[in-house]
Amino acid sequence: MQFTRTTHRRRSRAAVALGAALGAALVATATGLLSPSAAGAAPGTAVEAGELVRQAAEQLTLVDEQVHEAELTVAAQQEAAAAAAAQAAVAQAAVAAYEPQLRAIAQSGYTGKTQSRFAAFLTSESATELVQQMTTLDMIAEHTNSVMSEVAAAQAVAQQAQNAADEAAATATAGLAQLEAQQAEVQKQIAGYQADFARLSATEQAAVTTAVAGRSLQAPRDLPMPSGAAGVAIQTALAQVGDRYEHAASGPDAFDCSGLTSYAYAAAGFSLPHSSRAQSQLGTQVSRGELQAGDLVFFYTPISHVGLYIGNGMMVHARTYGSPVAVTSVDQQGFRFGVRLG
């Protein structure tokens, strides 16, 4: 299982490799749909205006998902940088541990095997004493050489760890800068969409949100509720019906699609990534006919929307601007598959 309990998270040990891979992923994420789209001809009718707003809502779904993926990427980069910095600190501490031995060697006046052997020859009063001094000097030289080799090896490890930490930190810093640029761009697109949506009549707005999010339904009061985490998640999600849709929101009063599902399952003790595409890679994939209450349901290619299946062909989801969290049919355009977490 790739999803985790809220109190347990796995940390990567491969800081450099992870940082490089995530850096490439972030660059790829930063391109494409986040670029401002070319302006088309002005709509000639209210119907055309509504259709353009609907298309813009679909586009923003993809843009939102790209930003979520970038956020996960940057978070992993920052975690890798922190892990690399910790490894560098451990390596530097290993070098520092040799300081007392190096100081003792320096204070002993050891300056080389040949000079020490000559001094022993001059100061020895007998052949036996000379042999003893020579043997002692050999032992000292061997120990000193061993210590110096260990210090050199430790210094090499420390330098390598520091280089890795510097590289990981640079990758995380660059990733954060790219993410901030993405967030600024998506906020511009959101503002433009909301302005266009506001110019529609109430009837036209309802038509757009129904086309994008589906017709709102009343969840049956006697809806069978599964036990365990799935039941807790469904009850939590249904309690949010009517809350507003907001980009990147994950509660308690506003949500986007993956923010709602992660919020619902967090109440059951599971931590899900705030990304519909990342959530689609968890658990076991199931078809439409295999859906059970509590399954996550995913839409579009590439995956850019997620809801929570509650049974009887219905799901609860946060879909688009101007449309609050609602219960709708799961049988909507773009359905791909479900995922069972348990």
C-alpha atoms as a PDB file:
ATOM      1  CA  MET A   1       0.000   0.000   0.000  1.00  0.00           C
ATOM      2  CA  GLN A   2       1.323   3.426  -0.865  1.00  0.00           C
ATOM      3  CA  PHE A   3      -1.068   5.371   1.361  1.00  0.00           C
ATOM      4  CA  THR A   4       0.008   5.668   4.996  1.00  0.00           C
ATOM      5  CA  ARG A   5      -1.484   6.082   8.423  1.00  0.00           C
ATOM      6  CA  THR A   6      -1.448   9.725   9.481  1.00  0.00           C
ATOM      7  CA  THR A   7       1.171   9.079  12.147  1.00  0.00           C
ATOM      8  CA  HIS A   8       3.605   7.244   9.882  1.00  0.00           C
ATOM      9  CA  ARG A   9       5.535   8.604   6.894  1.00  0.00           C
ATOM     10  CA  ARG A  10       8.412   7.020   5.036  1.00  0.00           C
ATOM     11  CA  ARG A  11      11.439   9.179   4.312  1.00  0.00           C
ATOM     12  CA  SER A  12      13.684   8.737   1.324  1.00  0.00           C
ATOM     13  CA  ARG A  13      17.332   7.915   1.857  1.00  0.00           C
ATOM     14  CA  ALA A  14      18.415   8.498  -1.726  1.00  0.00           C
ATOM     15  CA  ALA A  15      18.589  12.267  -1.419  1.00  0.00           C
ATOM     16  CA  VAL A  16      20.640  13.052  -4.511  1.00  0.00           C
ATOM     17  CA  ALA A  17      18.872  10.663  -6.869  1.00  0.00           C
ATOM     18  CA  LEU A  18      15.477  11.715  -5.593  1.00  0.00           C
ATOM     19  CA  GLY A  19      16.319  15.393  -5.888  1.00  0.00           C
ATOM     20  CA  ALA A  20      17.437  14.991  -9.486  1.00  0.00           C
ATOM     21  CA  ALA A  21      14.386  12.953 -10.462  1.00  0.00           C
ATOM     22  CA  LEU A  22      12.003  15.331  -8.755  1.00  0.00           C
ATOM     23  CA  GLY A  23      13.716  18.306 -10.327  1.00  0.00           C
ATOM     24  CA  ALA A  24      13.097  16.845 -13.778  1.00  0.00           C
ATOM     25  CA  ALA A  25       9.483  16.122 -12.852  1.00  0.00           C
ATOM     26  CA  LEU A  26       8.933  19.667 -11.662  1.00  0.00           C
ATOM     27  CA  VAL A  27      10.350  21.145 -14.861  1.00  0.00           C
ATOM     28  CA  ALA A  28       7.977  18.952 -16.851  1.00  0.00           C
ATOM     29  CA  THR A  29       5.059  19.937 -14.649  1.00  0.00           C
ATOM     30  CA  ALA A  30       5.875  23.616 -15.001  1.00  0.00           C
ATOM     31  CA  THR A  31       5.318  23.525 -18.764  1.00  0.00           C
ATOM     32  CA  GLY A  32       2.232  22.949 -20.864  1.00  0.00           C
ATOM     33  CA  LEU A  33      -1.188  23.734 -19.477  1.00  0.00           C
ATOM     34  CA  LEU A  34       0.035  26.446 -17.142  1.00  0.00           C
ATOM     35  CA  SER A  35       0.900  28.599 -20.135  1.00  0.00           C
ATOM     36  CA  PRO A  36      -1.769  31.215 -20.791  1.00  0.00           C
ATOM     37  CA  SER A  37      -4.077  30.018 -23.559  1.00  0.00           C
ATOM     38  CA  ALA A  38      -4.465  32.056 -26.694  1.00  0.00           C
ATOM     39  CA  ALA A  39      -7.461  34.358 -26.704  1.00  0.00           C
ATOM     40  CA  GLY A  40     -10.241  33.244 -29.009  1.00  0.00           C
ATOM     41  CA  ALA A  41     -13.051  35.150 -30.638  1.00  0.00           C
ATOM     42  CA  ALA A  42     -15.485  36.864 -28.286  1.00  0.00           C
ATOM     43  CA  PRO A  43     -18.687  34.839 -27.741  1.00  0.00           C
ATOM     44  CA  GLY A  44     -21.601  36.031 -29.847  1.00  0.00           C
ATOM     45  CA  THR A  45     -24.388  34.507 -27.759  1.00  0.00           C
ATOM     46  CA  ALA A  46     -25.100  33.574 -24.159  1.00  0.00           C
ATOM     47  CA  VAL A  47     -24.882  29.916 -25.145  1.00  0.00           C
ATOM     48  CA  GLU A  48     -21.408  30.446 -26.601  1.00  0.00           C
ATOM     49  CA  ALA A  49     -20.359  32.350 -23.485  1.00  0.00           C
ATOM     50  CA  GLY A  50     -21.545  29.524 -21.277  1.00  0.00           C
ATOM     51  CA  GLU A  51     -19.692  26.967 -23.385  1.00  0.00           C
ATOM     52  CA  LEU A  52     -16.470  28.952 -23.149  1.00  0.00           C
ATOM     53  CA  VAL A  53     -16.812  29.140 -19.374  1.00  0.00           C
ATOM     54  CA  ARG A  54     -17.455  25.391 -19.232  1.00  0.00           C
ATOM     55  CA  GLN A  55     -14.309  24.750 -21.287  1.00  0.00           C
ATOM     56  CA  ALA A  56     -12.376  27.076 -18.994  1.00  0.00           C
ATOM     57  CA  ALA A  57     -13.566  25.065 -15.987  1.00  0.00           C
ATOM     58  CA  GLU A  58     -12.257  21.872 -17.593  1.00  0.00           C
ATOM     59  CA  GLN A  59      -8.936  23.600 -18.293  1.00  0.00           C
ATOM     60  CA  LEU A  60      -8.634  24.814 -14.712  1.00  0.00           C
ATOM     61  CA  THR A  61      -9.164  21.263 -13.469  1.00  0.00           C
ATOM     62  CA  LEU A  62      -5.997  20.219 -15.280  1.00  0.00           C
ATOM     63  CA  VAL A  63      -4.114  23.315 -14.138  1.00  0.00           C
ATOM     64  CA  ASP A  64      -5.127  22.724 -10.514  1.00  0.00           C
ATOM     65  CA  GLU A  65      -3.852  19.165 -10.725  1.00  0.00           C
ATOM     66  CA  GLN A  66      -0.515  20.309 -12.151  1.00  0.00           C
ATOM     67  CA  VAL A  67      -0.025  22.676  -9.239  1.00  0.00           C
ATOM     68  CA  HIS A  68      -0.890  19.927  -6.745  1.00  0.00           C
ATOM     69  CA  GLU A  69       1.694  17.647  -8.331  1.00  0.00           C
ATOM     70  CA  ALA A  70       4.272  20.436  -8.200  1.00  0.00           C
ATOM     71  CA  GLU A  71       3.502  20.999  -4.523  1.00  0.00           C
ATOM     72  CA  LEU A  72       4.097  17.314  -3.787  1.00  0.00           C
ATOM     73  CA  THR A  73       7.318  17.451  -5.795  1.00  0.00           C
ATOM     74  CA  VAL A  74       8.649  20.454  -3.891  1.00  0.00           C
ATOM     75  CA  ALA A  75       7.707  18.904  -0.545  1.00  0.00           C
ATOM     76  CA  ALA A  76       9.643  15.756  -1.467  1.00  0.00           C
ATOM     77  CA  GLN A  77      12.593  17.877  -2.646  1.00  0.00           C
ATOM     78  CA  GLN A  78      12.651  19.740   0.644  1.00  0.00           C
ATOM     79  CA  GLU A  79      12.482  16.452   2.551  1.00  0.00           C
ATOM     80  CA  ALA A  80      15.364  15.093   0.472  1.00  0.00           C
ATOM     81  CA  ALA A  81      17.380  18.254   1.165  1.00  0.00           C
ATOM     82  CA  ALA A  82      16.776  17.913   4.903  1.00  0.00           C
ATOM     83  CA  ALA A  83      17.807  14.239   4.817  1.00  0.00           C
ATOM     84  CA  ALA A  84      20.956  15.082   2.861  1.00  0.00           C
ATOM     85  CA  ALA A  85      21.847  17.866   5.306  1.00  0.00           C
ATOM     86  CA  ALA A  86      21.431  15.415   8.199  1.00  0.00           C
ATOM     87  CA  GLN A  87      23.710  12.909   6.479  1.00  0.00           C
ATOM     88  CA  ALA A  88      26.314  15.641   5.922  1.00  0.00           C
ATOM     89  CA  ALA A  89      26.174  16.583   9.611  1.00  0.00           C
ATOM     90  CA  VAL A  90      26.722  12.942  10.624  1.00  0.00           C
ATOM     91  CA  ALA A  91      29.692  12.684   8.251  1.00  0.00           C
ATOM     92  CA  GLN A  92      31.229  15.896   9.607  1.00  0.00           C
ATOM     93  CA  ALA A  93      30.785  14.602  13.153  1.00  0.00           C
ATOM     94  CA  ALA A  94      32.668  11.435  12.182  1.00  0.00           C
ATOM     95  CA  VAL A  95      35.605  13.565  11.014  1.00  0.00           C
ATOM     96  CA  ALA A  96      35.509  15.642  14.195  1.00  0.00           C
ATOM     97  CA  ALA A  97      35.701  12.456  16.291  1.00  0.00           C
ATOM     98  CA  TYR A  98      39.275  11.939  15.044  1.00  0.00           C
ATOM     99  CA  GLU A  99      40.444  15.316  16.374  1.00  0.00           C
ATOM    100  CA  PRO A 100      41.763  14.003  19.749  1.00  0.00           C
ATOM    101  CA  GLN A 101      43.807  11.303  17.991  1.00  0.00           C
ATOM    102  CA  LEU A 102      45.247  13.773  15.497  1.00  0.00           C
ATOM    103  CA  ARG A 103      46.167  16.168  18.320  1.00  0.00           C
ATOM    104  CA  ALA A 104      47.910  13.347  20.201  1.00  0.00           C
ATOM    105  CA  ILE A 105      49.866  12.371  17.108  1.00  0.00           C
ATOM    106  CA  ALA A 106      50.954  15.974  16.565  1.00  0.00           C
ATOM    107  CA  GLN A 107      51.993  16.399  20.203  1.00  0.00           C
ATOM    108  CA  SER A 108      54.050  13.189  20.132  1.00  0.00           C
ATOM    109  CA  GLY A 109      56.455  14.803  17.711  1.00  0.00           C
ATOM    110  CA  TYR A 110      56.129  12.022  15.161  1.00  0.00           C
ATOM    111  CA  THR A 111      57.662  13.396  11.969  1.00  0.00           C
ATOM    112  CA  GLY A 112      58.403  10.317   9.970  1.00  0.00           C
ATOM    113  CA  LYS A 113      59.684   6.778  10.248  1.00  0.00           C
ATOM    114  CA  THR A 114      63.251   7.386   9.017  1.00  0.00           C
ATOM    115  CA  GLN A 115      63.944  10.268  11.432  1.00  0.00           C
ATOM    116  CA  SER A 116      62.500   8.314  14.380  1.00  0.00           C
ATOM    117  CA  ARG A 117      64.600   5.272  13.574  1.00  0.00           C
ATOM    118  CA  PHE A 118      67.749   7.414  13.417  1.00  0.00           C
ATOM    119  CA  ALA A 119      66.953   8.941  16.834  1.00  0.00           C
ATOM    120  CA  ALA A 120      66.438   5.472  18.294  1.00  0.00           C
ATOM    121  CA  PHE A 121      69.829   4.358  16.948  1.00  0.00           C
ATOM    122  CA  LEU A 122      71.563   7.318  18.563  1.00  0.00           C
ATOM    123  CA  THR A 123      69.866   6.979  21.958  1.00  0.00           C
ATOM    124  CA  SER A 124      69.852   3.205  22.419  1.00  0.00           C
ATOM    125  CA  GLU A 125      72.406   1.857  24.895  1.00  0.00           C
ATOM    126  CA  SER A 126      72.278  -1.749  23.723  1.00  0.00           C
ATOM    127  CA  ALA A 127      71.239  -3.865  20.778  1.00  0.00           C
ATOM    128  CA  THR A 128      68.264  -5.215  22.776  1.00  0.00           C
ATOM    129  CA  GLU A 129      67.048  -1.720  23.600  1.00  0.00           C
ATOM    130  CA  LEU A 130      67.467  -0.694  19.977  1.00  0.00           C
ATOM    131  CA  VAL A 131      65.343  -3.607  18.788  1.00  0.00           C
ATOM    132  CA  GLN A 132      62.663  -2.759  21.336  1.00  0.00           C
ATOM    133  CA  GLN A 133      62.594   0.895  20.302  1.00  0.00           C
ATOM    134  CA  MET A 134      62.483  -0.045  16.622  1.00  0.00           C
ATOM    135  CA  THR A 135      59.555  -2.391  17.263  1.00  0.00           C
ATOM    136  CA  THR A 136      57.718   0.289  19.218  1.00  0.00           C
ATOM    137  CA  LEU A 137      58.332   2.829  16.465  1.00  0.00           C
ATOM    138  CA  ASP A 138      56.989   0.420  13.860  1.00  0.00           C
ATOM    139  CA  MET A 139      53.837  -0.047  15.916  1.00  0.00           C
ATOM    140  CA  ILE A 140      53.422   3.727  16.357  1.00  0.00           C
ATOM    141  CA  ALA A 141      53.961   4.311  12.651  1.00  0.00           C
ATOM    142  CA  GLU A 142      51.440   1.639  11.711  1.00  0.00           C
ATOM    143  CA  HIS A 143      48.850   3.090  14.096  1.00  0.00           C
ATOM    144  CA  THR A 144      49.511   6.632  12.885  1.00  0.00           C
ATOM    145  CA  ASN A 145      49.222   5.632   9.249  1.00  0.00           C
ATOM    146  CA  SER A 146      46.006   3.770  10.016  1.00  0.00           C
ATOM    147  CA  VAL A 147      44.523   6.808  11.762  1.00  0.00           C
ATOM    148  CA  MET A 148      45.528   9.110   8.915  1.00  0.00           C
ATOM    149  CA  SER A 149      43.951   6.746   6.374  1.00  0.00           C
ATOM    150  CA  GLU A 150      40.733   6.631   8.360  1.00  0.00           C
ATOM    151  CA  VAL A 151      40.689  10.423   8.634  1.00  0.00           C
ATOM    152  CA  ALA A 152      41.214  10.784   4.885  1.00  0.00           C
ATOM    153  CA  ALA A 153      38.402   8.343   4.165  1.00  0.00           C
ATOM    154  CA  ALA A 154      36.077  10.112   6.627  1.00  0.00           C
ATOM    155  CA  GLN A 155      36.890  13.479   5.073  1.00  0.00           C
ATOM    156  CA  ALA A 156      36.076  12.113   1.604  1.00  0.00           C
ATOM    157  CA  VAL A 157      32.727  10.806   2.836  1.00  0.00           C
ATOM    158  CA  ALA A 158      31.990  14.122   4.525  1.00  0.00           C
ATOM    159  CA  GLN A 159      32.801  16.082   1.391  1.00  0.00           C
ATOM    160  CA  GLN A 160      30.615  13.814  -0.724  1.00  0.00           C
ATOM    161  CA  ALA A 161      27.747  14.157   1.764  1.00  0.00           C
ATOM    162  CA  GLN A 162      28.131  17.935   1.815  1.00  0.00           C
ATOM    163  CA  ASN A 163      28.090  18.080  -1.988  1.00  0.00           C
ATOM    164  CA  ALA A 164      24.900  15.992  -1.985  1.00  0.00           C
ATOM    165  CA  ALA A 165      23.328  18.285   0.610  1.00  0.00           C
ATOM    166  CA  ASP A 166      24.244  21.392  -1.392  1.00  0.00           C
ATOM    167  CA  GLU A 167      22.811  19.864  -4.577  1.00  0.00           C
ATOM    168  CA  ALA A 168      19.584  18.795  -2.857  1.00  0.00           C
ATOM    169  CA  ALA A 169      19.162  22.237  -1.283  1.00  0.00           C
ATOM    170  CA  ALA A 170      19.685  23.948  -4.652  1.00  0.00           C
ATOM    171  CA  THR A 171      17.123  21.648  -6.285  1.00  0.00           C
ATOM    172  CA  ALA A 172      14.562  22.362  -3.556  1.00  0.00           C
ATOM    173  CA  THR A 173      15.152  26.112  -3.808  1.00  0.00           C
ATOM    174  CA  ALA A 174      14.732  26.074  -7.584  1.00  0.00           C
ATOM    175  CA  GLY A 175      11.633  23.896  -7.269  1.00  0.00           C
ATOM    176  CA  LEU A 176      10.072  26.287  -4.771  1.00  0.00           C
ATOM    177  CA  ALA A 177      10.696  29.236  -7.085  1.00  0.00           C
ATOM    178  CA  GLN A 178       9.032  27.395  -9.979  1.00  0.00           C
ATOM    179  CA  LEU A 179       6.093  26.433  -7.775  1.00  0.00           C
ATOM    180  CA  GLU A 180       5.568  30.022  -6.680  1.00  0.00           C
ATOM    181  CA  ALA A 181       5.508  31.085 -10.339  1.00  0.00           C
ATOM    182  CA  GLN A 182       2.953  28.350 -11.094  1.00  0.00           C
ATOM    183  CA  GLN A 183       0.771  29.409  -8.182  1.00  0.00           C
ATOM    184  CA  ALA A 184       0.808  33.017  -9.354  1.00  0.00           C
ATOM    185  CA  GLU A 185      -0.180  31.957 -12.879  1.00  0.00           C
ATOM    186  CA  VAL A 186      -3.019  29.728 -11.739  1.00  0.00           C
ATOM    187  CA  GLN A 187      -4.387  32.497  -9.520  1.00  0.00           C
ATOM    188  CA  LYS A 188      -4.530  34.738 -12.607  1.00  0.00           C
ATOM    189  CA  GLN A 189      -6.423  32.061 -14.502  1.00  0.00           C
ATOM    190  CA  ILE A 190      -8.806  31.531 -11.583  1.00  0.00           C
ATOM    191  CA  ALA A 191      -9.536  35.253 -11.383  1.00  0.00           C
ATOM    192  CA  GLY A 192     -10.228  35.370 -15.120  1.00  0.00           C
ATOM    193  CA  TYR A 193     -12.543  32.374 -14.918  1.00  0.00           C
ATOM    194  CA  GLN A 194     -14.469  33.752 -11.955  1.00  0.00           C
ATOM    195  CA  ALA A 195     -14.928  37.083 -13.735  1.00  0.00           C
ATOM    196  CA  ASP A 196     -16.300  35.310 -16.821  1.00  0.00           C
ATOM    197  CA  PHE A 197     -18.543  33.108 -14.669  1.00  0.00           C
ATOM    198  CA  ALA A 198     -19.919  36.142 -12.820  1.00  0.00           C
ATOM    199  CA  ARG A 199     -21.011  37.722 -16.115  1.00  0.00           C
ATOM    200  CA  LEU A 200     -23.353  34.801 -16.810  1.00  0.00           C
ATOM    201  CA  SER A 201     -26.955  34.841 -15.662  1.00  0.00           C
ATOM    202  CA  ALA A 202     -27.998  32.615 -12.772  1.00  0.00           C
ATOM    203  CA  THR A 203     -29.563  30.185 -15.237  1.00  0.00           C
ATOM    204  CA  GLU A 204     -26.411  30.088 -17.350  1.00  0.00           C
ATOM    205  CA  GLN A 205     -24.239  29.609 -14.264  1.00  0.00           C
ATOM    206  CA  ALA A 206     -26.407  26.671 -13.181  1.00  0.00           C
ATOM    207  CA  ALA A 207     -26.126  25.153 -16.644  1.00  0.00           C
ATOM    208  CA  VAL A 208     -22.325  25.440 -16.566  1.00  0.00           C
ATOM    209  CA  THR A 209     -21.911  23.922 -13.103  1.00  0.00           C
ATOM    210  CA  THR A 210     -24.330  21.095 -13.920  1.00  0.00           C
ATOM    211  CA  ALA A 211     -22.440  20.345 -17.139  1.00  0.00           C
ATOM    212  CA  VAL A 212     -19.117  20.297 -15.306  1.00  0.00           C
ATOM    213  CA  ALA A 213     -20.022  18.860 -11.890  1.00  0.00           C
ATOM    214  CA  GLY A 214     -23.242  16.959 -12.528  1.00  0.00           C
ATOM    215  CA  ARG A 215     -26.739  17.494 -11.182  1.00  0.00           C
ATOM    216  CA  SER A 216     -26.852  17.695  -7.392  1.00  0.00           C
ATOM    217  CA  LEU A 217     -28.711  14.850  -5.658  1.00  0.00           C
ATOM    218  CA  GLN A 218     -30.026  14.327  -2.171  1.00  0.00           C
ATOM    219  CA  ALA A 219     -28.195  11.465  -0.474  1.00  0.00           C
ATOM    220  CA  PRO A 220     -30.744   8.919   0.835  1.00  0.00           C
ATOM    221  CA  ARG A 221     -31.135   8.995   4.602  1.00  0.00           C
ATOM    222  CA  ASP A 222     -31.097   5.203   4.747  1.00  0.00           C
ATOM    223  CA  LEU A 223     -27.881   4.932   2.691  1.00  0.00           C
ATOM    224  CA  PRO A 224     -26.085   1.723   3.766  1.00  0.00           C
ATOM    225  CA  MET A 225     -22.860   2.722   5.494  1.00  0.00           C
ATOM    226  CA  PRO A 226     -19.804   0.445   5.368  1.00  0.00           C
ATOM    227  CA  SER A 227     -17.875  -0.210   8.530  1.00  0.00           C
ATOM    228  CA  GLY A 228     -14.334   0.875   9.264  1.00  0.00           C
ATOM    229  CA  ALA A 229     -12.374   3.600   7.506  1.00  0.00           C
ATOM    230  CA  ALA A 230     -14.656   3.719   4.441  1.00  0.00           C
ATOM    231  CA  GLY A 231     -17.698   4.499   6.589  1.00  0.00           C
ATOM    232  CA  VAL A 232     -15.875   7.220   8.523  1.00  0.00           C
ATOM    233  CA  ALA A 233     -14.628   8.778   5.275  1.00  0.00           C
ATOM    234  CA  ILE A 234     -18.120   8.806   3.721  1.00  0.00           C
ATOM    235  CA  GLN A 235     -19.749  10.339   6.805  1.00  0.00           C
ATOM    236  CA  THR A 236     -17.002  12.976   6.959  1.00  0.00           C
ATOM    237  CA  ALA A 237     -17.348  13.852   3.262  1.00  0.00           C
ATOM    238  CA  LEU A 238     -21.154  14.039   3.427  1.00  0.00           C
ATOM    239  CA  ALA A 239     -20.862  16.429   6.373  1.00  0.00           C
ATOM    240  CA  GLN A 240     -19.072  18.855   4.024  1.00  0.00           C
ATOM    241  CA  VAL A 241     -21.886  19.009   1.443  1.00  0.00           C
ATOM    242  CA  GLY A 242     -22.604  22.673   0.724  1.00  0.00           C
ATOM    243  CA  ASP A 243     -19.073  23.891   1.535  1.00  0.00           C
ATOM    244  CA  ARG A 244     -17.562  26.035  -1.194  1.00  0.00           C
ATOM    245  CA  TYR A 245     -15.068  24.925  -3.840  1.00  0.00           C
ATOM    246  CA  GLU A 246     -11.665  26.583  -3.566  1.00  0.00           C
ATOM    247  CA  HIS A 247      -8.382  25.840  -5.322  1.00  0.00           C
ATOM    248  CA  ALA A 248      -5.864  23.992  -3.098  1.00  0.00           C
ATOM    249  CA  ALA A 249      -8.274  23.960  -0.134  1.00  0.00           C
ATOM    250  CA  SER A 250      -8.501  20.919   2.104  1.00  0.00           C
ATOM    251  CA  GLY A 251     -10.986  22.055   4.733  1.00  0.00           C
ATOM    252  CA  PRO A 252     -12.528  22.555   7.046  1.00  0.00           C
ATOM    253  CA  ASP A 253     -14.854  25.002   5.248  1.00  0.00           C
ATOM    254  CA  ALA A 254     -13.632  24.893   1.624  1.00  0.00           C
ATOM    255  CA  PHE A 255     -12.270  22.128  -0.591  1.00  0.00           C
ATOM    256  CA  ASP A 256     -11.029  21.142  -3.984  1.00  0.00           C
ATOM    257  CA  CYS A 257     -11.494  17.570  -5.208  1.00  0.00           C
ATOM    258  CA  SER A 258      -8.432  15.864  -3.740  1.00  0.00           C
ATOM    259  CA  GLY A 259      -8.591  18.142  -0.713  1.00  0.00           C
ATOM    260  CA  LEU A 260     -12.027  16.715   0.106  1.00  0.00           C
ATOM    261  CA  THR A 261     -11.030  13.060  -0.294  1.00  0.00           C
ATOM    262  CA  SER A 262      -7.818  13.532   1.703  1.00  0.00           C
ATOM    263  CA  TYR A 263      -9.795  15.354   4.425  1.00  0.00           C
ATOM    264  CA  ALA A 264     -12.394  12.581   4.555  1.00  0.00           C
ATOM    265  CA  TYR A 265      -9.865   9.770   4.846  1.00  0.00           C
ATOM    266  CA  ALA A 266      -7.715  11.729   7.316  1.00  0.00           C
ATOM    267  CA  ALA A 267     -10.680  11.463   9.696  1.00  0.00           C
ATOM    268  CA  ALA A 268     -10.350   7.681   9.337  1.00  0.00           C
ATOM    269  CA  GLY A 269      -6.616   7.764  10.080  1.00  0.00           C
ATOM    270  CA  PHE A 270      -5.262   7.629   6.524  1.00  0.00           C
ATOM    271  CA  SER A 271      -2.995  10.248   4.983  1.00  0.00           C
ATOM    272  CA  LEU A 272      -3.593  10.705   1.244  1.00  0.00           C
ATOM    273  CA  PRO A 273      -1.583  13.020  -1.018  1.00  0.00           C
ATOM    274  CA  HIS A 274      -3.348  16.222  -2.054  1.00  0.00           C
ATOM    275  CA  SER A 275      -3.399  15.258  -5.742  1.00  0.00           C
ATOM    276  CA  SER A 276      -5.996  13.301  -7.692  1.00  0.00           C
ATOM    277  CA  ARG A 277      -3.334  11.736  -9.913  1.00  0.00           C
ATOM    278  CA  ALA A 278      -1.247  10.676  -6.901  1.00  0.00           C
ATOM    279  CA  GLN A 279      -4.325   9.245  -5.185  1.00  0.00           C
ATOM    280  CA  SER A 280      -5.164   7.248  -8.317  1.00  0.00           C
ATOM    281  CA  GLN A 281      -1.927   5.288  -7.855  1.00  0.00           C
ATOM    282  CA  LEU A 282      -2.874   3.984  -4.408  1.00  0.00           C
ATOM    283  CA  GLY A 283      -4.722   0.836  -3.396  1.00  0.00           C
ATOM    284  CA  THR A 284      -6.376  -1.549  -5.851  1.00  0.00           C
ATOM    285  CA  GLN A 285      -7.949  -0.376  -9.103  1.00  0.00           C
ATOM    286  CA  VAL A 286     -11.576  -1.444  -9.684  1.00  0.00           C
ATOM    287  CA  SER A 287     -14.014  -1.030 -12.562  1.00  0.00           C
ATOM    288  CA  ARG A 288     -17.345   0.821 -12.538  1.00  0.00           C
ATOM    289  CA  GLY A 289     -19.227  -2.433 -11.942  1.00  0.00           C
ATOM    290  CA  GLU A 290     -16.983  -3.328  -8.979  1.00  0.00           C
ATOM    291  CA  LEU A 291     -17.386  -0.050  -7.070  1.00  0.00           C
ATOM    292  CA  GLN A 292     -18.107  -0.263  -3.363  1.00  0.00           C
ATOM    293  CA  ALA A 293     -18.948   2.530  -0.935  1.00  0.00           C
ATOM    294  CA  GLY A 294     -15.730   4.180   0.192  1.00  0.00           C
ATOM    295  CA  ASP A 295     -13.865   3.712  -3.105  1.00  0.00           C
ATOM    296  CA  LEU A 296     -12.195   6.729  -4.690  1.00  0.00           C
ATOM    297  CA  VAL A 297     -13.413   7.429  -8.243  1.00  0.00           C
ATOM    298  CA  PHE A 298     -11.290   9.137 -10.898  1.00  0.00           C
ATOM    299  CA  PHE A 299     -12.023  11.085 -14.056  1.00  0.00           C
ATOM    300  CA  TYR A 300     -10.421  12.330 -17.290  1.00  0.00           C
ATOM    301  CA  THR A 301      -7.222  11.593 -19.179  1.00  0.00           C
ATOM    302  CA  PRO A 302      -4.821  12.447 -17.668  1.00  0.00           C
ATOM    303  CA  ILE A 303      -6.420  11.977 -14.253  1.00  0.00           C
ATOM    304  CA  SER A 304      -7.444  15.382 -12.942  1.00  0.00           C
ATOM    305  CA  HIS A 305     -10.509  14.817 -10.735  1.00  0.00           C
ATOM    306  CA  VAL A 306     -11.430  12.537  -7.838  1.00  0.00           C
ATOM    307  CA  GLY A 307     -14.604  11.899  -5.850  1.00  0.00           C
ATOM    308  CA  LEU A 308     -15.691   9.526  -3.080  1.00  0.00           C
ATOM    309  CA  TYR A 309     -18.172   6.813  -4.036  1.00  0.00           C
ATOM    310  CA  ILE A 310     -20.960   6.468  -1.455  1.00  0.00           C
ATOM    311  CA  GLY A 311     -23.001   3.673  -3.056  1.00  0.00           C
ATOM    312  CA  ASN A 312     -26.190   3.461  -5.148  1.00  0.00           C
ATOM    313  CA  GLY A 313     -24.391   4.992  -8.145  1.00  0.00           C
ATOM    314  CA  MET A 314     -23.613   8.221  -6.272  1.00  0.00           C
ATOM    315  CA  MET A 315     -20.486  10.049  -5.224  1.00  0.00           C
ATOM    316  CA  VAL A 316     -19.676  13.127  -3.158  1.00  0.00           C
ATOM    317  CA  HIS A 317     -17.132  15.502  -4.636  1.00  0.00           C
ATOM    318  CA  ALA A 318     -15.856  19.075  -4.851  1.00  0.00           C
ATOM    319  CA  ARG A 319     -15.777  19.859  -8.534  1.00  0.00           C
ATOM    320  CA  THR A 320     -15.519  23.452  -9.713  1.00  0.00           C
ATOM    321  CA  TYR A 321     -15.751  27.152  -8.885  1.00  0.00           C
ATOM    322  CA  GLY A 322     -19.304  28.273  -8.219  1.00  0.00           C
ATOM    323  CA  SER A 323     -20.383  24.716  -7.351  1.00  0.00           C
ATOM    324  CA  PRO A 324     -20.233  23.657  -3.676  1.00  0.00           C
ATOM    325  CA  VAL A 325     -19.408  20.173  -2.411  1.00  0.00           C
ATOM    326  CA  ALA A 326     -22.287  18.011  -3.607  1.00  0.00           C
ATOM    327  CA  VAL A 327     -23.638  14.506  -4.087  1.00  0.00           C
ATOM    328  CA  THR A 328     -24.038  13.590  -7.770  1.00  0.00           C
ATOM    329  CA  SER A 329     -24.211  10.541 -10.001  1.00  0.00           C
ATOM    330  CA  VAL A 330     -20.874   8.810 -10.528  1.00  0.00           C
ATOM    331  CA  ASP A 331     -21.827   8.172 -14.152  1.00  0.00           C
ATOM    332  CA  GLN A 332     -20.387  11.310 -15.647  1.00  0.00           C
ATOM    333  CA  GLN A 333     -18.321  12.057 -18.723  1.00  0.00           C
ATOM    334  CA  GLY A 334     -14.682  11.186 -18.244  1.00  0.00           C
ATOM    335  CA  PHE A 335     -15.069   8.370 -15.685  1.00  0.00           C
ATOM    336  CA  ARG A 336     -11.922   6.204 -15.670  1.00  0.00           C
ATOM    337  CA  PHE A 337     -11.888   3.796 -12.716  1.00  0.00           C
ATOM    338  CA  GLY A 338     -12.180   3.431  -8.976  1.00  0.00           C
ATOM    339  CA  VAL A 339      -9.545   2.707  -6.338  1.00  0.00           C
ATOM    340  CA  ARG A 340     -10.130   0.712  -3.164  1.00  0.00           C
ATOM    341  CA  LEU A 341      -7.836   1.682  -0.306  1.00  0.00           C
ATOM    342  CA  GLY A 342      -8.679  -1.074   2.161  1.00  0.00           C
END
